[in-house]
All heavy atoms as atom14 arrays in JSON, in Angstrom:
{
  "sequence": "FSLENRRVPPAEMRGQIERLMREVRLDLPLHKPISELSG",
  "atom14_mask": [
    [1, 1, 1, 1, 1, 1, 1, 1, 1, 1, 1, 0, 0, 0],
    [1, 1, 1, 1, 1, 1, 0, 0, 0, 0, 0, 0, 0, 0],
    [1, 1, 1, 1, 1, 1, 1, 1, 0, 0, 0, 0, 0, 0],
    [1, 1, 1, 1, 1, 1, 1, 1, 1, 0, 0, 0, 0, 0],
    [1, 1, 1, 1, 1, 1, 1, 1, 0, 0, 0, 0, 0, 0],
    [1, 1, 1, 1, 1, 1, 1, 1, 1, 1, 1, 0, 0, 0],
    [1, 1, 1, 1, 1, 1, 1, 1, 1, 1, 1, 0, 0, 0],
    [1, 1, 1, 1, 1, 1, 1, 0, 0, 0, 0, 0, 0, 0],
    [1, 1, 1, 1, 1, 1, 1, 0, 0, 0, 0, 0, 0, 0],
    [1, 1, 1, 1, 1, 1, 1, 0, 0, 0, 0, 0, 0, 0],
    [1, 1, 1, 1, 1, 0, 0, 0, 0, 0, 0, 0, 0, 0],
    [1, 1, 1, 1, 1, 1, 1, 1, 1, 0, 0, 0, 0, 0],
    [1, 1, 1, 1, 1, 1, 1, 1, 0, 0, 0, 0, 0, 0],
    [1, 1, 1, 1, 1, 1, 1, 1, 1, 1, 1, 0, 0, 0],
    [1, 1, 1, 1, 0, 0, 0, 0, 0, 0, 0, 0, 0, 0],
    [1, 1, 1, 1, 1, 1, 1, 1, 1, 0, 0, 0, 0, 0],
    [1, 1, 1, 1, 1, 1, 1, 1, 0, 0, 0, 0, 0, 0],
    [1, 1, 1, 1, 1, 1, 1, 1, 1, 0, 0, 0, 0, 0],
    [1, 1, 1, 1, 1, 1, 1, 1, 1, 1, 1, 0, 0, 0],
    [1, 1, 1, 1, 1, 1, 1, 1, 0, 0, 0, 0, 0, 0],
    [1, 1, 1, 1, 1, 1, 1, 1, 0, 0, 0, 0, 0, 0],
    [1, 1, 1, 1, 1, 1, 1, 1, 1, 1, 1, 0, 0, 0],
    [1, 1, 1, 1, 1, 1, 1, 1, 1, 0, 0, 0, 0, 0],
    [1, 1, 1, 1, 1, 1, 1, 0, 0, 0, 0, 0, 0, 0],
    [1, 1, 1, 1, 1, 1, 1, 1, 1, 1, 1, 0, 0, 0],
    [1, 1, 1, 1, 1, 1, 1, 1, 0, 0, 0, 0, 0, 0],
    [1, 1, 1, 1, 1, 1, 1, 1, 0, 0, 0, 0, 0, 0],
    [1, 1, 1, 1, 1, 1, 1, 1, 0, 0, 0, 0, 0, 0],
    [1, 1, 1, 1, 1, 1, 1, 0, 0, 0, 0, 0, 0, 0],
    [1, 1, 1, 1, 1, 1, 1, 1, 0, 0, 0, 0, 0, 0],
    [1, 1, 1, 1, 1, 1, 1, 1, 1, 1, 0, 0, 0, 0],
    [1, 1, 1, 1, 1, 1, 1, 1, 1, 0, 0, 0, 0, 0],
    [1, 1, 1, 1, 1, 1, 1, 0, 0, 0, 0, 0, 0, 0],
    [1, 1, 1, 1, 1, 1, 1, 1, 0, 0, 0, 0, 0, 0],
    [1, 1, 1, 1, 1, 1, 0, 0, 0, 0, 0, 0, 0, 0],
    [1, 1, 1, 1, 1, 1, 1, 1, 1, 0, 0, 0, 0, 0],
    [1, 1, 1, 1, 1, 1, 1, 1, 0, 0, 0, 0, 0, 0],
    [1, 1, 1, 1, 1, 1, 0, 0, 0, 0, 0, 0, 0, 0],
    [1, 1, 1, 1, 0, 0, 0, 0, 0, 0, 0, 0, 0, 0]
  ],
  "atom14_positions": [
    [[-7.24, 0.32, 2.15], [-8.53, -0.23, 2.48], [-8.4, -1.2, 3.63], [-9.22, -1.32, 4.53], [-9.25, -0.91, 1.25], [-10.53, -1.46, 1.48], [-11.61, -0.7, 1.65], [-10.71, -2.86, 1.65], [-12.92, -1.21, 1.89], [-12.0, -3.42, 1.94], [-13.1, -2.63, 1.99], [0.0, 0.0, 0.0], [0.0, 0.0, 0.0], [0.0, 0.0, 0.0]],
    [[-7.38, -2.08, 3.53], [-7.11, -3.05, 4.65], [-6.78, -2.35, 5.87], [-7.18, -2.78, 7.03], [-5.99, -4.02, 4.22], [-6.33, -4.77, 3.13], [0.0, 0.0, 0.0], [0.0, 0.0, 0.0], [0.0, 0.0, 0.0], [0.0, 0.0, 0.0], [0.0, 0.0, 0.0], [0.0, 0.0, 0.0], [0.0, 0.0, 0.0], [0.0, 0.0, 0.0]],
    [[-5.88, -1.26, 5.86], [-5.56, -0.55, 7.08], [-6.8, 0.17, 7.71], [-6.99, 0.21, 8.93], [-4.5, 0.46, 6.7], [-3.18, -0.08, 6.2], [-2.2, 1.05, 5.77], [-2.47, -0.89, 7.3], [0.0, 0.0, 0.0], [0.0, 0.0, 0.0], [0.0, 0.0, 0.0], [0.0, 0.0, 0.0], [0.0, 0.0, 0.0], [0.0, 0.0, 0.0]],
    [[-7.75, 0.59, 6.79], [-8.91, 1.23, 7.25], [-9.84, 0.14, 8.11], [-10.37, 0.47, 9.11], [-9.77, 1.76, 6.14], [-9.11, 3.01, 5.52], [-9.86, 3.5, 4.24], [-10.74, 2.8, 3.9], [-9.52, 4.55, 3.74], [0.0, 0.0, 0.0], [0.0, 0.0, 0.0], [0.0, 0.0, 0.0], [0.0, 0.0, 0.0], [0.0, 0.0, 0.0]],
    [[-9.67, -1.04, 7.64], [-10.46, -2.09, 8.35], [-9.86, -2.27, 9.84], [-10.67, -2.81, 10.73], [-10.41, -3.42, 7.57], [-11.54, -3.48, 6.48], [-12.61, -3.76, 6.78], [-11.13, -3.07, 5.21], [0.0, 0.0, 0.0], [0.0, 0.0, 0.0], [0.0, 0.0, 0.0], [0.0, 0.0, 0.0], [0.0, 0.0, 0.0], [0.0, 0.0, 0.0]],
    [[-8.69, -1.88, 9.94], [-8.02, -1.95, 11.36], [-8.1, -0.71, 12.07], [-7.47, -0.54, 13.13], [-6.48, -2.51, 11.19], [-6.43, -3.88, 10.9], [-4.9, -4.34, 10.84], [-4.14, -3.61, 11.8], [-2.94, -2.86, 11.56], [-2.48, -2.85, 10.31], [-2.31, -2.28, 12.41], [0.0, 0.0, 0.0], [0.0, 0.0, 0.0], [0.0, 0.0, 0.0]],
    [[-8.76, 0.3, 11.41], [-8.77, 1.61, 12.03], [-7.55, 2.28, 12.23], [-7.32, 3.06, 13.33], [-9.71, 1.56, 13.31], [-11.06, 1.05, 13.21], [-11.85, 1.02, 14.51], [-13.17, 0.5, 14.21], [-14.04, 0.35, 15.17], [-13.76, 0.75, 16.49], [-15.32, -0.14, 14.97], [0.0, 0.0, 0.0], [0.0, 0.0, 0.0], [0.0, 0.0, 0.0]],
    [[-6.55, 2.16, 11.28], [-5.23, 2.75, 11.49], [-5.56, 4.23, 11.09], [-6.18, 4.59, 10.13], [-4.19, 2.16, 10.37], [-2.96, 2.99, 10.36], [-4.07, 0.74, 10.81], [0.0, 0.0, 0.0], [0.0, 0.0, 0.0], [0.0, 0.0, 0.0], [0.0, 0.0, 0.0], [0.0, 0.0, 0.0], [0.0, 0.0, 0.0], [0.0, 0.0, 0.0]],
    [[-5.0, 5.19, 11.89], [-5.15, 6.57, 11.62], [-4.61, 7.05, 10.3], [-3.5, 6.45, 9.85], [-4.42, 7.33, 12.79], [-4.35, 6.24, 13.87], [-4.32, 5.0, 13.27], [0.0, 0.0, 0.0], [0.0, 0.0, 0.0], [0.0, 0.0, 0.0], [0.0, 0.0, 0.0], [0.0, 0.0, 0.0], [0.0, 0.0, 0.0], [0.0, 0.0, 0.0]],
    [[-5.24, 7.83, 9.56], [-4.76, 8.3, 8.23], [-3.39, 8.81, 8.23], [-2.59, 8.52, 7.26], [-5.69, 9.51, 7.87], [-7.01, 9.03, 8.53], [-6.56, 8.54, 9.89], [0.0, 0.0, 0.0], [0.0, 0.0, 0.0], [0.0, 0.0, 0.0], [0.0, 0.0, 0.0], [0.0, 0.0, 0.0], [0.0, 0.0, 0.0], [0.0, 0.0, 0.0]],
    [[-2.93, 9.47, 9.27], [-1.59, 10.03, 9.29], [-0.49, 8.93, 9.37], [0.66, 9.08, 8.99], [-1.43, 10.94, 10.54], [0.0, 0.0, 0.0], [0.0, 0.0, 0.0], [0.0, 0.0, 0.0], [0.0, 0.0, 0.0], [0.0, 0.0, 0.0], [0.0, 0.0, 0.0], [0.0, 0.0, 0.0], [0.0, 0.0, 0.0], [0.0, 0.0, 0.0]],
    [[-0.91, 7.71, 9.82], [0.2, 6.69, 9.86], [0.06, 5.77, 8.58], [1.05, 4.88, 8.47], [-0.23, 5.77, 11.05], [-0.1, 6.57, 12.47], [-0.49, 5.76, 13.61], [-0.45, 4.45, 13.45], [-0.69, 6.25, 14.73], [0.0, 0.0, 0.0], [0.0, 0.0, 0.0], [0.0, 0.0, 0.0], [0.0, 0.0, 0.0], [0.0, 0.0, 0.0]],
    [[-0.92, 5.95, 7.8], [-1.04, 4.96, 6.57], [0.1, 5.04, 5.58], [0.49, 3.87, 5.27], [-2.42, 5.33, 5.94], [-3.65, 4.79, 6.65], [-5.14, 4.97, 5.67], [-6.28, 4.24, 6.72], [0.0, 0.0, 0.0], [0.0, 0.0, 0.0], [0.0, 0.0, 0.0], [0.0, 0.0, 0.0], [0.0, 0.0, 0.0], [0.0, 0.0, 0.0]],
    [[0.44, 6.21, 5.3], [1.54, 6.25, 4.16], [2.75, 5.41, 4.51], [3.29, 4.7, 3.82], [1.98, 7.76, 3.8], [3.11, 7.9, 2.85], [2.77, 7.28, 1.47], [1.69, 7.93, 0.9], [1.88, 8.97, 0.09], [3.11, 9.58, -0.11], [0.95, 9.56, -0.55], [0.0, 0.0, 0.0], [0.0, 0.0, 0.0], [0.0, 0.0, 0.0]],
    [[3.29, 5.57, 5.85], [4.41, 4.89, 6.28], [4.24, 3.33, 6.34], [5.1, 2.44, 5.92], [0.0, 0.0, 0.0], [0.0, 0.0, 0.0], [0.0, 0.0, 0.0], [0.0, 0.0, 0.0], [0.0, 0.0, 0.0], [0.0, 0.0, 0.0], [0.0, 0.0, 0.0], [0.0, 0.0, 0.0], [0.0, 0.0, 0.0], [0.0, 0.0, 0.0]],
    [[3.03, 2.94, 6.74], [2.78, 1.52, 6.76], [2.62, 0.94, 5.29], [3.05, -0.17, 5.03], [1.36, 1.25, 7.62], [1.64, 1.52, 9.09], [0.53, 0.82, 9.89], [0.07, -0.32, 9.54], [0.18, 1.48, 10.98], [0.0, 0.0, 0.0], [0.0, 0.0, 0.0], [0.0, 0.0, 0.0], [0.0, 0.0, 0.0], [0.0, 0.0, 0.0]],
    [[1.91, 1.59, 4.42], [1.78, 1.22, 3.04], [3.17, 1.02, 2.42], [3.54, -0.07, 1.72], [1.07, 2.17, 2.2], [-0.51, 2.17, 2.69], [1.05, 1.87, 0.75], [-1.32, 3.31, 1.99], [0.0, 0.0, 0.0], [0.0, 0.0, 0.0], [0.0, 0.0, 0.0], [0.0, 0.0, 0.0], [0.0, 0.0, 0.0], [0.0, 0.0, 0.0]],
    [[4.1, 1.93, 2.6], [5.43, 1.82, 2.03], [6.26, 0.65, 2.66], [7.0, -0.11, 1.97], [6.21, 3.12, 2.23], [5.55, 4.37, 1.43], [6.26, 5.61, 1.75], [7.07, 5.78, 2.66], [6.03, 6.61, 0.92], [0.0, 0.0, 0.0], [0.0, 0.0, 0.0], [0.0, 0.0, 0.0], [0.0, 0.0, 0.0], [0.0, 0.0, 0.0]],
    [[6.0, 0.48, 4.05], [6.67, -0.68, 4.69], [6.19, -2.06, 4.04], [6.92, -2.93, 3.81], [6.47, -0.63, 6.15], [7.09, -1.86, 6.95], [6.71, -1.8, 8.35], [5.24, -1.73, 8.61], [4.36, -2.77, 8.66], [4.95, -4.0, 8.28], [3.12, -2.63, 8.81], [0.0, 0.0, 0.0], [0.0, 0.0, 0.0], [0.0, 0.0, 0.0]],
    [[4.95, -2.14, 3.97], [4.24, -3.44, 3.47], [4.67, -3.65, 1.93], [4.98, -4.8, 1.6], [2.79, -3.28, 3.51], [2.24, -3.36, 4.88], [0.75, -2.86, 4.89], [2.22, -4.86, 5.47], [0.0, 0.0, 0.0], [0.0, 0.0, 0.0], [0.0, 0.0, 0.0], [0.0, 0.0, 0.0], [0.0, 0.0, 0.0], [0.0, 0.0, 0.0]],
    [[4.84, -2.68, 1.21], [5.31, -2.8, -0.24], [6.64, -3.24, -0.2], [7.12, -4.04, -1.1], [5.06, -1.5, -0.94], [3.54, -1.16, -1.21], [3.3, 0.38, -2.08], [4.05, 0.04, -3.7], [0.0, 0.0, 0.0], [0.0, 0.0, 0.0], [0.0, 0.0, 0.0], [0.0, 0.0, 0.0], [0.0, 0.0, 0.0], [0.0, 0.0, 0.0]],
    [[7.64, -2.74, 0.66], [9.01, -3.19, 0.74], [8.97, -4.66, 1.08], [9.87, -5.38, 0.62], [9.81, -2.37, 1.68], [10.07, -0.94, 1.13], [11.2, -0.37, 1.94], [10.78, -0.14, 3.43], [10.17, 0.83, 3.89], [9.71, 1.82, 3.1], [9.84, 0.85, 5.13], [0.0, 0.0, 0.0], [0.0, 0.0, 0.0], [0.0, 0.0, 0.0]],
    [[8.16, -5.01, 2.04], [8.09, -6.44, 2.6], [7.81, -7.45, 1.47], [8.33, -8.59, 1.46], [7.09, -6.49, 3.71], [7.26, -7.78, 4.49], [6.4, -7.76, 5.72], [6.11, -6.62, 6.16], [6.06, -8.79, 6.3], [0.0, 0.0, 0.0], [0.0, 0.0, 0.0], [0.0, 0.0, 0.0], [0.0, 0.0, 0.0], [0.0, 0.0, 0.0]],
    [[6.96, -7.13, 0.54], [6.57, -8.03, -0.57], [7.32, -7.72, -1.84], [6.93, -8.16, -2.83], [5.1, -8.04, -0.75], [4.4, -8.59, 0.48], [4.56, -6.8, -1.19], [0.0, 0.0, 0.0], [0.0, 0.0, 0.0], [0.0, 0.0, 0.0], [0.0, 0.0, 0.0], [0.0, 0.0, 0.0], [0.0, 0.0, 0.0], [0.0, 0.0, 0.0]],
    [[8.28, -6.75, -1.85], [9.06, -6.41, -3.02], [8.25, -5.91, -4.07], [8.37, -6.31, -5.29], [9.86, -7.56, -3.52], [10.99, -8.08, -2.49], [11.64, -9.32, -2.93], [10.68, -10.51, -2.91], [10.95, -11.68, -3.46], [12.08, -11.91, -3.95], [9.98, -12.62, -3.38], [0.0, 0.0, 0.0], [0.0, 0.0, 0.0], [0.0, 0.0, 0.0]],
    [[7.38, -4.88, -3.76], [6.36, -4.34, -4.73], [6.92, -2.89, -4.9], [6.51, -2.0, -4.28], [5.09, -4.37, -4.05], [3.87, -4.13, -5.1], [3.9, -5.24, -6.12], [2.44, -4.05, -4.43], [0.0, 0.0, 0.0], [0.0, 0.0, 0.0], [0.0, 0.0, 0.0], [0.0, 0.0, 0.0], [0.0, 0.0, 0.0], [0.0, 0.0, 0.0]],
    [[7.88, -2.74, -5.94], [8.48, -1.44, -6.25], [7.7, -0.81, -7.28], [8.01, -0.9, -8.54], [9.89, -1.79, -6.68], [10.76, -0.43, -6.9], [10.25, 0.64, -6.43], [11.77, -0.44, -7.5], [0.0, 0.0, 0.0], [0.0, 0.0, 0.0], [0.0, 0.0, 0.0], [0.0, 0.0, 0.0], [0.0, 0.0, 0.0], [0.0, 0.0, 0.0]],
    [[6.66, -0.14, -6.87], [5.7, 0.5, -7.84], [5.41, 1.93, -7.33], [5.32, 2.17, -6.13], [4.41, -0.33, -7.97], [4.52, -1.77, -8.59], [3.15, -2.4, -8.46], [4.93, -1.63, -10.1], [0.0, 0.0, 0.0], [0.0, 0.0, 0.0], [0.0, 0.0, 0.0], [0.0, 0.0, 0.0], [0.0, 0.0, 0.0], [0.0, 0.0, 0.0]],
    [[4.9, 2.8, -8.2], [4.3, 4.15, -7.81], [3.03, 3.77, -7.03], [2.31, 2.93, -7.36], [4.0, 4.88, -9.11], [4.91, 4.2, -10.06], [5.03, 2.77, -9.65], [0.0, 0.0, 0.0], [0.0, 0.0, 0.0], [0.0, 0.0, 0.0], [0.0, 0.0, 0.0], [0.0, 0.0, 0.0], [0.0, 0.0, 0.0], [0.0, 0.0, 0.0]],
    [[2.79, 4.6, -5.9], [1.66, 4.36, -5.06], [0.3, 4.48, -5.84], [-0.65, 3.86, -5.58], [1.69, 5.25, -3.87], [2.81, 5.13, -2.97], [2.76, 6.23, -1.9], [2.61, 3.69, -2.27], [0.0, 0.0, 0.0], [0.0, 0.0, 0.0], [0.0, 0.0, 0.0], [0.0, 0.0, 0.0], [0.0, 0.0, 0.0], [0.0, 0.0, 0.0]],
    [[0.28, 5.36, -6.87], [-0.94, 5.56, -7.57], [-1.04, 4.74, -8.88], [-1.91, 5.05, -9.72], [-0.98, 7.16, -7.86], [-1.17, 8.07, -6.79], [-2.22, 8.0, -5.93], [-0.22, 8.84, -6.21], [-2.18, 8.83, -4.99], [-0.86, 9.35, -5.11], [0.0, 0.0, 0.0], [0.0, 0.0, 0.0], [0.0, 0.0, 0.0], [0.0, 0.0, 0.0]],
    [[-0.25, 3.72, -8.97], [-0.31, 2.77, -10.17], [-1.61, 2.07, -10.13], [-2.1, 1.52, -9.16], [0.86, 1.77, -10.01], [0.89, 0.75, -11.15], [1.61, 1.31, -12.36], [1.94, 0.38, -13.37], [2.57, 0.9, -14.56], [0.0, 0.0, 0.0], [0.0, 0.0, 0.0], [0.0, 0.0, 0.0], [0.0, 0.0, 0.0], [0.0, 0.0, 0.0]],
    [[-2.25, 2.12, -11.35], [-3.69, 1.46, -11.45], [-3.44, -0.04, -11.38], [-2.47, -0.6, -11.94], [-4.13, 1.83, -12.86], [-3.41, 3.14, -13.17], [-2.04, 2.99, -12.56], [0.0, 0.0, 0.0], [0.0, 0.0, 0.0], [0.0, 0.0, 0.0], [0.0, 0.0, 0.0], [0.0, 0.0, 0.0], [0.0, 0.0, 0.0], [0.0, 0.0, 0.0]],
    [[-4.21, -0.8, -10.59], [-4.16, -2.16, -10.41], [-4.35, -2.91, -11.72], [-3.75, -3.93, -11.94], [-5.1, -2.62, -9.39], [-4.84, -2.1, -8.02], [-5.2, -4.1, -9.23], [-5.72, -2.36, -6.86], [0.0, 0.0, 0.0], [0.0, 0.0, 0.0], [0.0, 0.0, 0.0], [0.0, 0.0, 0.0], [0.0, 0.0, 0.0], [0.0, 0.0, 0.0]],
    [[-5.18, -2.23, -12.59], [-5.46, -2.96, -13.91], [-4.29, -3.09, -14.77], [-4.31, -3.88, -15.75], [-6.64, -2.18, -14.61], [-6.13, -0.84, -14.79], [0.0, 0.0, 0.0], [0.0, 0.0, 0.0], [0.0, 0.0, 0.0], [0.0, 0.0, 0.0], [0.0, 0.0, 0.0], [0.0, 0.0, 0.0], [0.0, 0.0, 0.0], [0.0, 0.0, 0.0]],
    [[-3.24, -2.31, -14.49], [-2.05, -2.39, -15.37], [-1.02, -3.29, -14.73], [0.16, -3.5, -15.35], [-1.59, -0.94, -15.54], [-2.46, 0.13, -16.36], [-1.84, 1.38, -16.44], [-0.67, 1.45, -16.19], [-2.51, 2.28, -16.98], [0.0, 0.0, 0.0], [0.0, 0.0, 0.0], [0.0, 0.0, 0.0], [0.0, 0.0, 0.0], [0.0, 0.0, 0.0]],
    [[-1.31, -3.96, -13.74], [-0.25, -4.81, -13.02], [-0.3, -6.22, -13.7], [-1.36, -6.76, -14.15], [-0.58, -4.91, -11.59], [-0.46, -3.73, -10.82], [-0.69, -4.06, -9.33], [0.84, -2.89, -10.95], [0.0, 0.0, 0.0], [0.0, 0.0, 0.0], [0.0, 0.0, 0.0], [0.0, 0.0, 0.0], [0.0, 0.0, 0.0], [0.0, 0.0, 0.0]],
    [[0.89, -6.92, -13.81], [0.82, -8.28, -14.16], [0.29, -9.16, -13.18], [0.07, -8.72, -12.04], [2.35, -8.61, -14.53], [3.13, -8.68, -13.29], [0.0, 0.0, 0.0], [0.0, 0.0, 0.0], [0.0, 0.0, 0.0], [0.0, 0.0, 0.0], [0.0, 0.0, 0.0], [0.0, 0.0, 0.0], [0.0, 0.0, 0.0], [0.0, 0.0, 0.0]],
    [[0.11, -10.52, -13.45], [-0.43, -11.37, -12.47], [0.46, -11.54, -11.23], [0.02, -11.63, -10.14], [0.0, 0.0, 0.0], [0.0, 0.0, 0.0], [0.0, 0.0, 0.0], [0.0, 0.0, 0.0], [0.0, 0.0, 0.0], [0.0, 0.0, 0.0], [0.0, 0.0, 0.0], [0.0, 0.0, 0.0], [0.0, 0.0, 0.0], [0.0, 0.0, 0.0]]
  ]
}
């Protein structure tokens, strides 16, 4: 949703999402429900 606000092409999103998750040490499945995450 944040990437869409910057008009990032859909084909580039997966790579950027994985890079951002590595940057903040978020080792989770991409389809993990947010409601199941800890604080």
